[in-house]
Amino acid sequence: APEVSQQRRFRDTLRADPELVNAYAARKRAVLAAGATDGNDYNLGKD
């Protein structure tokens, strides 16, 4: 499935770029601060 390479690419891209990890962390904090109350809200906010 194409998703396999996408999962790997996302993981490996983050592993290679600490600044991108920081940006992703900031995005996740913002999603939660905006009021995400469950996993679906959280995942949609990171999409």
All heavy atoms as atom14 arrays in JSON, in Angstrom:
{
  "sequence": "APEVSQQRRFRDTLRADPELVNAYAARKRAVLAAGATDGNDYNLGKD",
  "atom14_mask": [
    [1, 1, 1, 1, 1, 0, 0, 0, 0, 0, 0, 0, 0, 0],
    [1, 1, 1, 1, 1, 1, 1, 0, 0, 0, 0, 0, 0, 0],
    [1, 1, 1, 1, 1, 1, 1, 1, 1, 0, 0, 0, 0, 0],
    [1, 1, 1, 1, 1, 1, 1, 0, 0, 0, 0, 0, 0, 0],
    [1, 1, 1, 1, 1, 1, 0, 0, 0, 0, 0, 0, 0, 0],
    [1, 1, 1, 1, 1, 1, 1, 1, 1, 0, 0, 0, 0, 0],
    [1, 1, 1, 1, 1, 1, 1, 1, 1, 0, 0, 0, 0, 0],
    [1, 1, 1, 1, 1, 1, 1, 1, 1, 1, 1, 0, 0, 0],
    [1, 1, 1, 1, 1, 1, 1, 1, 1, 1, 1, 0, 0, 0],
    [1, 1, 1, 1, 1, 1, 1, 1, 1, 1, 1, 0, 0, 0],
    [1, 1, 1, 1, 1, 1, 1, 1, 1, 1, 1, 0, 0, 0],
    [1, 1, 1, 1, 1, 1, 1, 1, 0, 0, 0, 0, 0, 0],
    [1, 1, 1, 1, 1, 1, 1, 0, 0, 0, 0, 0, 0, 0],
    [1, 1, 1, 1, 1, 1, 1, 1, 0, 0, 0, 0, 0, 0],
    [1, 1, 1, 1, 1, 1, 1, 1, 1, 1, 1, 0, 0, 0],
    [1, 1, 1, 1, 1, 0, 0, 0, 0, 0, 0, 0, 0, 0],
    [1, 1, 1, 1, 1, 1, 1, 1, 0, 0, 0, 0, 0, 0],
    [1, 1, 1, 1, 1, 1, 1, 0, 0, 0, 0, 0, 0, 0],
    [1, 1, 1, 1, 1, 1, 1, 1, 1, 0, 0, 0, 0, 0],
    [1, 1, 1, 1, 1, 1, 1, 1, 0, 0, 0, 0, 0, 0],
    [1, 1, 1, 1, 1, 1, 1, 0, 0, 0, 0, 0, 0, 0],
    [1, 1, 1, 1, 1, 1, 1, 1, 0, 0, 0, 0, 0, 0],
    [1, 1, 1, 1, 1, 0, 0, 0, 0, 0, 0, 0, 0, 0],
    [1, 1, 1, 1, 1, 1, 1, 1, 1, 1, 1, 1, 0, 0],
    [1, 1, 1, 1, 1, 0, 0, 0, 0, 0, 0, 0, 0, 0],
    [1, 1, 1, 1, 1, 0, 0, 0, 0, 0, 0, 0, 0, 0],
    [1, 1, 1, 1, 1, 1, 1, 1, 1, 1, 1, 0, 0, 0],
    [1, 1, 1, 1, 1, 1, 1, 1, 1, 0, 0, 0, 0, 0],
    [1, 1, 1, 1, 1, 1, 1, 1, 1, 1, 1, 0, 0, 0],
    [1, 1, 1, 1, 1, 0, 0, 0, 0, 0, 0, 0, 0, 0],
    [1, 1, 1, 1, 1, 1, 1, 0, 0, 0, 0, 0, 0, 0],
    [1, 1, 1, 1, 1, 1, 1, 1, 0, 0, 0, 0, 0, 0],
    [1, 1, 1, 1, 1, 0, 0, 0, 0, 0, 0, 0, 0, 0],
    [1, 1, 1, 1, 1, 0, 0, 0, 0, 0, 0, 0, 0, 0],
    [1, 1, 1, 1, 0, 0, 0, 0, 0, 0, 0, 0, 0, 0],
    [1, 1, 1, 1, 1, 0, 0, 0, 0, 0, 0, 0, 0, 0],
    [1, 1, 1, 1, 1, 1, 1, 0, 0, 0, 0, 0, 0, 0],
    [1, 1, 1, 1, 1, 1, 1, 1, 0, 0, 0, 0, 0, 0],
    [1, 1, 1, 1, 0, 0, 0, 0, 0, 0, 0, 0, 0, 0],
    [1, 1, 1, 1, 1, 1, 1, 1, 0, 0, 0, 0, 0, 0],
    [1, 1, 1, 1, 1, 1, 1, 1, 0, 0, 0, 0, 0, 0],
    [1, 1, 1, 1, 1, 1, 1, 1, 1, 1, 1, 1, 0, 0],
    [1, 1, 1, 1, 1, 1, 1, 1, 0, 0, 0, 0, 0, 0],
    [1, 1, 1, 1, 1, 1, 1, 1, 0, 0, 0, 0, 0, 0],
    [1, 1, 1, 1, 0, 0, 0, 0, 0, 0, 0, 0, 0, 0],
    [1, 1, 1, 1, 1, 1, 1, 1, 1, 0, 0, 0, 0, 0],
    [1, 1, 1, 1, 1, 1, 1, 1, 0, 0, 0, 0, 0, 0]
  ],
  "atom14_positions": [
    [[0.84, -1.21, 0.0], [0.0, 0.0, 0.0], [0.87, 1.26, 0.0], [1.9, 1.3, 0.67], [-0.92, 0.0, 1.21], [0.0, 0.0, 0.0], [0.0, 0.0, 0.0], [0.0, 0.0, 0.0], [0.0, 0.0, 0.0], [0.0, 0.0, 0.0], [0.0, 0.0, 0.0], [0.0, 0.0, 0.0], [0.0, 0.0, 0.0], [0.0, 0.0, 0.0]],
    [[0.46, 2.31, -0.72], [1.22, 3.57, -0.72], [1.39, 4.15, 0.68], [2.39, 4.83, 0.95], [0.37, 4.49, -1.6], [-0.46, 3.59, -2.44], [-0.7, 2.35, -1.61], [0.0, 0.0, 0.0], [0.0, 0.0, 0.0], [0.0, 0.0, 0.0], [0.0, 0.0, 0.0], [0.0, 0.0, 0.0], [0.0, 0.0, 0.0], [0.0, 0.0, 0.0]],
    [[0.46, 3.89, 1.56], [0.53, 4.42, 2.93], [1.81, 3.98, 3.65], [2.32, 4.69, 4.51], [-0.7, 3.98, 3.71], [-0.71, 4.5, 5.12], [-1.87, 3.99, 5.95], [-2.72, 3.22, 5.44], [-1.92, 4.36, 7.13], [0.0, 0.0, 0.0], [0.0, 0.0, 0.0], [0.0, 0.0, 0.0], [0.0, 0.0, 0.0], [0.0, 0.0, 0.0]],
    [[2.31, 2.82, 3.31], [3.51, 2.29, 3.98], [4.68, 3.26, 3.78], [5.35, 3.65, 4.75], [3.86, 0.87, 3.48], [5.19, 0.4, 4.05], [2.74, -0.1, 3.81], [0.0, 0.0, 0.0], [0.0, 0.0, 0.0], [0.0, 0.0, 0.0], [0.0, 0.0, 0.0], [0.0, 0.0, 0.0], [0.0, 0.0, 0.0], [0.0, 0.0, 0.0]],
    [[4.92, 3.66, 2.55], [6.04, 4.57, 2.3], [5.76, 5.94, 2.91], [6.69, 6.62, 3.36], [6.34, 4.69, 0.8], [5.25, 5.24, 0.11], [0.0, 0.0, 0.0], [0.0, 0.0, 0.0], [0.0, 0.0, 0.0], [0.0, 0.0, 0.0], [0.0, 0.0, 0.0], [0.0, 0.0, 0.0], [0.0, 0.0, 0.0], [0.0, 0.0, 0.0]],
    [[4.5, 6.36, 2.97], [4.17, 7.64, 3.6], [4.45, 7.61, 5.09], [5.02, 8.56, 5.65], [2.7, 7.99, 3.34], [2.42, 8.29, 1.89], [0.94, 8.4, 1.6], [0.09, 8.29, 2.48], [0.62, 8.61, 0.33], [0.0, 0.0, 0.0], [0.0, 0.0, 0.0], [0.0, 0.0, 0.0], [0.0, 0.0, 0.0], [0.0, 0.0, 0.0]],
    [[4.07, 6.53, 5.76], [4.34, 6.39, 7.2], [5.84, 6.44, 7.46], [6.31, 7.13, 8.37], [3.77, 5.08, 7.74], [2.27, 5.0, 7.75], [1.67, 5.51, 9.05], [2.36, 5.96, 9.95], [0.36, 5.44, 9.15], [0.0, 0.0, 0.0], [0.0, 0.0, 0.0], [0.0, 0.0, 0.0], [0.0, 0.0, 0.0], [0.0, 0.0, 0.0]],
    [[6.59, 5.7, 6.66], [8.04, 5.68, 6.83], [8.66, 7.05, 6.54], [9.53, 7.51, 7.28], [8.66, 4.64, 5.9], [8.4, 3.21, 6.32], [8.93, 2.26, 5.27], [8.74, 0.88, 5.68], [8.59, -0.13, 4.83], [8.62, 0.09, 3.52], [8.43, -1.35, 5.27], [0.0, 0.0, 0.0], [0.0, 0.0, 0.0], [0.0, 0.0, 0.0]],
    [[8.21, 7.67, 5.46], [8.77, 8.97, 5.08], [8.51, 10.02, 6.15], [9.4, 10.81, 6.48], [8.22, 9.41, 3.72], [8.95, 10.64, 3.18], [8.6, 10.94, 1.73], [7.23, 11.36, 1.61], [6.35, 10.81, 0.78], [6.68, 9.81, 0.0], [5.12, 11.27, 0.71], [0.0, 0.0, 0.0], [0.0, 0.0, 0.0], [0.0, 0.0, 0.0]],
    [[7.3, 10.05, 6.71], [7.0, 11.03, 7.75], [7.89, 10.8, 8.97], [8.52, 11.73, 9.47], [5.52, 10.98, 8.14], [5.13, 12.05, 9.1], [5.09, 13.38, 8.7], [4.82, 11.75, 10.42], [4.74, 14.39, 9.6], [4.48, 12.75, 11.32], [4.43, 14.07, 10.9], [0.0, 0.0, 0.0], [0.0, 0.0, 0.0], [0.0, 0.0, 0.0]],
    [[7.97, 9.56, 9.42], [8.84, 9.23, 10.57], [10.29, 9.6, 10.3], [10.93, 10.27, 11.1], [8.72, 7.73, 10.87], [9.67, 7.23, 11.96], [9.82, 5.72, 11.95], [10.4, 5.26, 10.69], [10.25, 4.04, 10.21], [9.53, 3.14, 10.85], [10.82, 3.7, 9.07], [0.0, 0.0, 0.0], [0.0, 0.0, 0.0], [0.0, 0.0, 0.0]],
    [[10.8, 9.19, 9.15], [12.21, 9.4, 8.85], [12.54, 10.88, 8.61], [13.63, 11.35, 8.97], [12.63, 8.55, 7.65], [12.54, 7.05, 7.95], [12.44, 6.68, 9.14], [12.53, 6.26, 6.99], [0.0, 0.0, 0.0], [0.0, 0.0, 0.0], [0.0, 0.0, 0.0], [0.0, 0.0, 0.0], [0.0, 0.0, 0.0], [0.0, 0.0, 0.0]],
    [[11.6, 11.62, 8.04], [11.8, 13.06, 7.84], [11.89, 13.76, 9.18], [12.75, 14.62, 9.39], [10.67, 13.65, 6.97], [10.67, 12.98, 5.7], [10.86, 15.14, 6.76], [0.0, 0.0, 0.0], [0.0, 0.0, 0.0], [0.0, 0.0, 0.0], [0.0, 0.0, 0.0], [0.0, 0.0, 0.0], [0.0, 0.0, 0.0], [0.0, 0.0, 0.0]],
    [[11.01, 13.41, 10.11], [11.08, 14.0, 11.45], [12.38, 13.62, 12.15], [13.03, 14.47, 12.77], [9.89, 13.56, 12.3], [8.54, 14.17, 11.98], [7.46, 13.57, 12.9], [8.54, 15.68, 12.11], [0.0, 0.0, 0.0], [0.0, 0.0, 0.0], [0.0, 0.0, 0.0], [0.0, 0.0, 0.0], [0.0, 0.0, 0.0], [0.0, 0.0, 0.0]],
    [[12.77, 12.37, 12.05], [14.01, 11.94, 12.71], [15.22, 12.72, 12.21], [16.17, 12.95, 12.95], [14.25, 10.44, 12.46], [13.4, 9.53, 13.3], [13.68, 8.08, 12.96], [13.0, 7.16, 13.84], [12.93, 5.86, 13.63], [13.52, 5.32, 12.57], [12.29, 5.08, 14.47], [0.0, 0.0, 0.0], [0.0, 0.0, 0.0], [0.0, 0.0, 0.0]],
    [[15.19, 13.14, 10.96], [16.33, 13.82, 10.35], [16.34, 15.34, 10.56], [17.32, 15.99, 10.22], [16.36, 13.52, 8.85], [0.0, 0.0, 0.0], [0.0, 0.0, 0.0], [0.0, 0.0, 0.0], [0.0, 0.0, 0.0], [0.0, 0.0, 0.0], [0.0, 0.0, 0.0], [0.0, 0.0, 0.0], [0.0, 0.0, 0.0], [0.0, 0.0, 0.0]],
    [[15.26, 15.89, 11.11], [15.13, 17.35, 11.17], [14.58, 17.81, 12.51], [13.37, 17.92, 12.69], [14.24, 17.82, 10.03], [14.19, 19.33, 9.88], [14.63, 20.07, 10.8], [13.7, 19.78, 8.83], [0.0, 0.0, 0.0], [0.0, 0.0, 0.0], [0.0, 0.0, 0.0], [0.0, 0.0, 0.0], [0.0, 0.0, 0.0], [0.0, 0.0, 0.0]],
    [[15.46, 18.13, 13.48], [15.0, 18.58, 14.8], [14.11, 19.82, 14.75], [13.2, 19.96, 15.56], [16.29, 18.86, 15.56], [17.35, 18.09, 14.85], [16.92, 18.02, 13.42], [0.0, 0.0, 0.0], [0.0, 0.0, 0.0], [0.0, 0.0, 0.0], [0.0, 0.0, 0.0], [0.0, 0.0, 0.0], [0.0, 0.0, 0.0], [0.0, 0.0, 0.0]],
    [[14.35, 20.71, 13.8], [13.5, 21.9, 13.69], [12.08, 21.52, 13.27], [11.1, 22.11, 13.72], [14.1, 22.92, 12.71], [15.33, 23.59, 13.26], [15.09, 24.27, 14.61], [14.08, 24.98, 14.76], [15.91, 24.07, 15.52], [0.0, 0.0, 0.0], [0.0, 0.0, 0.0], [0.0, 0.0, 0.0], [0.0, 0.0, 0.0], [0.0, 0.0, 0.0]],
    [[11.97, 20.53, 12.41], [10.66, 20.05, 12.0], [9.94, 19.38, 13.17], [8.74, 19.54, 13.35], [10.78, 19.08, 10.81], [9.48, 18.68, 10.14], [8.75, 19.9, 9.57], [9.77, 17.67, 9.02], [0.0, 0.0, 0.0], [0.0, 0.0, 0.0], [0.0, 0.0, 0.0], [0.0, 0.0, 0.0], [0.0, 0.0, 0.0], [0.0, 0.0, 0.0]],
    [[10.7, 18.65, 13.99], [10.12, 18.06, 15.21], [9.57, 19.17, 16.1], [8.45, 19.05, 16.62], [11.17, 17.21, 15.97], [10.63, 16.78, 17.33], [11.55, 15.99, 15.16], [0.0, 0.0, 0.0], [0.0, 0.0, 0.0], [0.0, 0.0, 0.0], [0.0, 0.0, 0.0], [0.0, 0.0, 0.0], [0.0, 0.0, 0.0], [0.0, 0.0, 0.0]],
    [[10.32, 20.25, 16.27], [9.84, 21.37, 17.09], [8.58, 21.99, 16.5], [7.64, 22.33, 17.24], [10.92, 22.44, 17.23], [12.09, 21.97, 18.06], [11.97, 21.06, 18.87], [13.25, 22.57, 17.85], [0.0, 0.0, 0.0], [0.0, 0.0, 0.0], [0.0, 0.0, 0.0], [0.0, 0.0, 0.0], [0.0, 0.0, 0.0], [0.0, 0.0, 0.0]],
    [[8.53, 22.14, 15.18], [7.33, 22.7, 14.53], [6.14, 21.77, 14.7], [5.01, 22.22, 14.95], [7.61, 22.95, 13.05], [0.0, 0.0, 0.0], [0.0, 0.0, 0.0], [0.0, 0.0, 0.0], [0.0, 0.0, 0.0], [0.0, 0.0, 0.0], [0.0, 0.0, 0.0], [0.0, 0.0, 0.0], [0.0, 0.0, 0.0], [0.0, 0.0, 0.0]],
    [[6.38, 20.47, 14.58], [5.3, 19.49, 14.76], [4.8, 19.52, 16.21], [3.59, 19.5, 16.46], [5.81, 18.1, 14.38], [4.75, 17.02, 14.32], [3.48, 17.25, 13.82], [5.05, 15.73, 14.77], [2.53, 16.24, 13.75], [4.12, 14.72, 14.71], [2.86, 14.98, 14.19], [1.92, 13.97, 14.14], [0.0, 0.0, 0.0], [0.0, 0.0, 0.0]],
    [[5.71, 19.6, 17.16], [5.33, 19.69, 18.57], [4.49, 20.93, 18.82], [3.48, 20.89, 19.53], [6.57, 19.67, 19.45], [0.0, 0.0, 0.0], [0.0, 0.0, 0.0], [0.0, 0.0, 0.0], [0.0, 0.0, 0.0], [0.0, 0.0, 0.0], [0.0, 0.0, 0.0], [0.0, 0.0, 0.0], [0.0, 0.0, 0.0], [0.0, 0.0, 0.0]],
    [[4.89, 22.05, 18.22], [4.13, 23.29, 18.38], [2.73, 23.14, 17.8], [1.74, 23.62, 18.38], [4.87, 24.45, 17.72], [0.0, 0.0, 0.0], [0.0, 0.0, 0.0], [0.0, 0.0, 0.0], [0.0, 0.0, 0.0], [0.0, 0.0, 0.0], [0.0, 0.0, 0.0], [0.0, 0.0, 0.0], [0.0, 0.0, 0.0], [0.0, 0.0, 0.0]],
    [[2.64, 22.47, 16.64], [1.32, 22.26, 16.03], [0.44, 21.4, 16.94], [-0.74, 21.69, 17.13], [1.47, 21.59, 14.65], [0.17, 21.32, 13.98], [-0.53, 22.62, 13.61], [-1.93, 22.36, 13.36], [-2.92, 23.18, 13.71], [-2.66, 24.33, 14.3], [-4.15, 22.87, 13.45], [0.0, 0.0, 0.0], [0.0, 0.0, 0.0], [0.0, 0.0, 0.0]],
    [[1.0, 20.35, 17.51], [0.22, 19.48, 18.4], [-0.23, 20.23, 19.66], [-1.38, 20.1, 20.08], [1.03, 18.23, 18.75], [1.24, 17.34, 17.54], [1.73, 15.96, 17.9], [3.18, 15.91, 18.19], [3.65, 14.54, 18.41], [0.0, 0.0, 0.0], [0.0, 0.0, 0.0], [0.0, 0.0, 0.0], [0.0, 0.0, 0.0], [0.0, 0.0, 0.0]],
    [[0.66, 21.05, 20.22], [0.26, 21.85, 21.39], [-0.88, 22.8, 21.02], [-1.82, 22.98, 21.79], [1.45, 22.65, 21.92], [2.37, 21.85, 22.83], [3.37, 22.74, 23.57], [4.14, 23.62, 22.7], [5.27, 23.29, 22.08], [5.78, 22.08, 22.25], [5.9, 24.16, 21.31], [0.0, 0.0, 0.0], [0.0, 0.0, 0.0], [0.0, 0.0, 0.0]],
    [[-0.8, 23.4, 19.84], [-1.84, 24.33, 19.39], [-3.17, 23.62, 19.2], [-4.22, 24.17, 19.56], [-1.41, 25.03, 18.1], [0.0, 0.0, 0.0], [0.0, 0.0, 0.0], [0.0, 0.0, 0.0], [0.0, 0.0, 0.0], [0.0, 0.0, 0.0], [0.0, 0.0, 0.0], [0.0, 0.0, 0.0], [0.0, 0.0, 0.0], [0.0, 0.0, 0.0]],
    [[-3.14, 22.43, 18.67], [-4.38, 21.65, 18.48], [-5.03, 21.38, 19.84], [-6.24, 21.56, 20.0], [-4.09, 20.33, 17.73], [-5.29, 19.39, 17.77], [-3.68, 20.61, 16.3], [0.0, 0.0, 0.0], [0.0, 0.0, 0.0], [0.0, 0.0, 0.0], [0.0, 0.0, 0.0], [0.0, 0.0, 0.0], [0.0, 0.0, 0.0], [0.0, 0.0, 0.0]],
    [[-4.23, 20.97, 20.8], [-4.77, 20.7, 22.13], [-5.24, 21.99, 22.81], [-6.31, 22.02, 23.43], [-3.73, 19.98, 22.99], [-3.45, 18.53, 22.55], [-2.22, 18.0, 23.25], [-4.65, 17.64, 22.81], [0.0, 0.0, 0.0], [0.0, 0.0, 0.0], [0.0, 0.0, 0.0], [0.0, 0.0, 0.0], [0.0, 0.0, 0.0], [0.0, 0.0, 0.0]],
    [[-4.48, 23.06, 22.67], [-4.86, 24.33, 23.29], [-6.15, 24.89, 22.67], [-6.9, 25.59, 23.34], [-3.74, 25.34, 23.14], [0.0, 0.0, 0.0], [0.0, 0.0, 0.0], [0.0, 0.0, 0.0], [0.0, 0.0, 0.0], [0.0, 0.0, 0.0], [0.0, 0.0, 0.0], [0.0, 0.0, 0.0], [0.0, 0.0, 0.0], [0.0, 0.0, 0.0]],
    [[-6.4, 24.52, 21.42], [-7.63, 24.98, 20.74], [-8.85, 24.2, 21.21], [-9.97, 24.51, 20.81], [-7.47, 24.87, 19.23], [0.0, 0.0, 0.0], [0.0, 0.0, 0.0], [0.0, 0.0, 0.0], [0.0, 0.0, 0.0], [0.0, 0.0, 0.0], [0.0, 0.0, 0.0], [0.0, 0.0, 0.0], [0.0, 0.0, 0.0], [0.0, 0.0, 0.0]],
    [[-8.63, 23.16, 22.02], [-9.76, 22.45, 22.61], [-10.04, 21.06, 22.08], [-11.13, 20.53, 22.29], [0.0, 0.0, 0.0], [0.0, 0.0, 0.0], [0.0, 0.0, 0.0], [0.0, 0.0, 0.0], [0.0, 0.0, 0.0], [0.0, 0.0, 0.0], [0.0, 0.0, 0.0], [0.0, 0.0, 0.0], [0.0, 0.0, 0.0], [0.0, 0.0, 0.0]],
    [[-9.09, 20.43, 21.4], [-9.29, 19.04, 20.98], [-9.61, 18.2, 22.2], [-8.9, 18.26, 23.2], [-8.04, 18.5, 20.29], [0.0, 0.0, 0.0], [0.0, 0.0, 0.0], [0.0, 0.0, 0.0], [0.0, 0.0, 0.0], [0.0, 0.0, 0.0], [0.0, 0.0, 0.0], [0.0, 0.0, 0.0], [0.0, 0.0, 0.0], [0.0, 0.0, 0.0]],
    [[-10.71, 17.47, 22.14], [-11.15, 16.71, 23.31], [-11.02, 15.19, 23.15], [-11.29, 14.46, 24.08], [-12.61, 17.04, 23.67], [-13.44, 16.74, 22.54], [-12.76, 18.5, 24.06], [0.0, 0.0, 0.0], [0.0, 0.0, 0.0], [0.0, 0.0, 0.0], [0.0, 0.0, 0.0], [0.0, 0.0, 0.0], [0.0, 0.0, 0.0], [0.0, 0.0, 0.0]],
    [[-10.66, 14.75, 21.96], [-10.47, 13.3, 21.76], [-9.48, 13.08, 20.63], [-9.0, 14.03, 20.0], [-11.81, 12.59, 21.5], [-12.51, 13.04, 20.22], [-11.83, 13.5, 19.27], [-13.74, 12.94, 20.17], [0.0, 0.0, 0.0], [0.0, 0.0, 0.0], [0.0, 0.0, 0.0], [0.0, 0.0, 0.0], [0.0, 0.0, 0.0], [0.0, 0.0, 0.0]],
    [[-9.17, 11.82, 20.39], [-8.18, 11.47, 19.39], [-8.54, 11.92, 17.99], [-7.66, 12.31, 17.21], [0.0, 0.0, 0.0], [0.0, 0.0, 0.0], [0.0, 0.0, 0.0], [0.0, 0.0, 0.0], [0.0, 0.0, 0.0], [0.0, 0.0, 0.0], [0.0, 0.0, 0.0], [0.0, 0.0, 0.0], [0.0, 0.0, 0.0], [0.0, 0.0, 0.0]],
    [[-9.83, 11.87, 17.64], [-10.22, 12.3, 16.3], [-9.96, 13.79, 16.1], [-9.43, 14.2, 15.07], [-11.69, 11.98, 16.03], [-11.92, 10.51, 15.78], [-11.01, 9.77, 15.41], [-13.14, 10.06, 15.99], [0.0, 0.0, 0.0], [0.0, 0.0, 0.0], [0.0, 0.0, 0.0], [0.0, 0.0, 0.0], [0.0, 0.0, 0.0], [0.0, 0.0, 0.0]],
    [[-10.36, 14.6, 17.08], [-10.1, 16.04, 16.99], [-8.61, 16.31, 16.87], [-8.17, 17.14, 16.07], [-10.6, 16.78, 18.24], [-12.11, 16.77, 18.41], [-12.83, 16.49, 17.43], [-12.56, 17.03, 19.54], [0.0, 0.0, 0.0], [0.0, 0.0, 0.0], [0.0, 0.0, 0.0], [0.0, 0.0, 0.0], [0.0, 0.0, 0.0], [0.0, 0.0, 0.0]],
    [[-7.85, 15.62, 17.67], [-6.39, 15.79, 17.69], [-5.8, 15.42, 16.32], [-5.0, 16.17, 15.76], [-5.83, 14.92, 18.8], [-4.34, 14.99, 19.02], [-3.76, 16.09, 19.63], [-3.52, 13.94, 18.66], [-2.39, 16.14, 19.87], [-2.15, 13.98, 18.88], [-1.6, 15.08, 19.49], [-0.25, 15.13, 19.73], [0.0, 0.0, 0.0], [0.0, 0.0, 0.0]],
    [[-6.2, 14.28, 15.79], [-5.65, 13.83, 14.5], [-6.04, 14.77, 13.36], [-5.22, 15.07, 12.49], [-6.09, 12.4, 14.21], [-5.41, 11.41, 15.13], [-4.34, 11.67, 15.66], [-6.05, 10.28, 15.35], [0.0, 0.0, 0.0], [0.0, 0.0, 0.0], [0.0, 0.0, 0.0], [0.0, 0.0, 0.0], [0.0, 0.0, 0.0], [0.0, 0.0, 0.0]],
    [[-7.29, 15.22, 13.36], [-7.71, 16.17, 12.32], [-6.92, 17.47, 12.39], [-6.57, 18.05, 11.37], [-9.21, 16.46, 12.44], [-10.13, 15.32, 12.0], [-11.58, 15.65, 12.35], [-9.99, 15.06, 10.51], [0.0, 0.0, 0.0], [0.0, 0.0, 0.0], [0.0, 0.0, 0.0], [0.0, 0.0, 0.0], [0.0, 0.0, 0.0], [0.0, 0.0, 0.0]],
    [[-6.62, 17.91, 13.6], [-5.85, 19.14, 13.78], [-4.41, 19.03, 13.3], [-3.8, 20.04, 12.96], [0.0, 0.0, 0.0], [0.0, 0.0, 0.0], [0.0, 0.0, 0.0], [0.0, 0.0, 0.0], [0.0, 0.0, 0.0], [0.0, 0.0, 0.0], [0.0, 0.0, 0.0], [0.0, 0.0, 0.0], [0.0, 0.0, 0.0], [0.0, 0.0, 0.0]],
    [[-3.86, 17.83, 13.27], [-2.48, 17.61, 12.82], [-2.4, 17.32, 11.33], [-1.32, 17.36, 10.74], [-1.85, 16.42, 13.55], [-1.75, 16.53, 15.03], [-1.05, 15.33, 15.63], [-1.63, 14.01, 15.18], [-0.94, 12.83, 15.69], [0.0, 0.0, 0.0], [0.0, 0.0, 0.0], [0.0, 0.0, 0.0], [0.0, 0.0, 0.0], [0.0, 0.0, 0.0]],
    [[-3.52, 17.04, 10.7], [-3.55, 16.54, 9.33], [-2.84, 17.44, 8.33], [-2.07, 16.97, 7.49], [-5.0, 16.29, 8.91], [-5.1, 15.46, 7.66], [-4.48, 14.38, 7.62], [-5.8, 15.9, 6.72], [0.0, 0.0, 0.0], [0.0, 0.0, 0.0], [0.0, 0.0, 0.0], [0.0, 0.0, 0.0], [0.0, 0.0, 0.0], [0.0, 0.0, 0.0]]
  ]
}
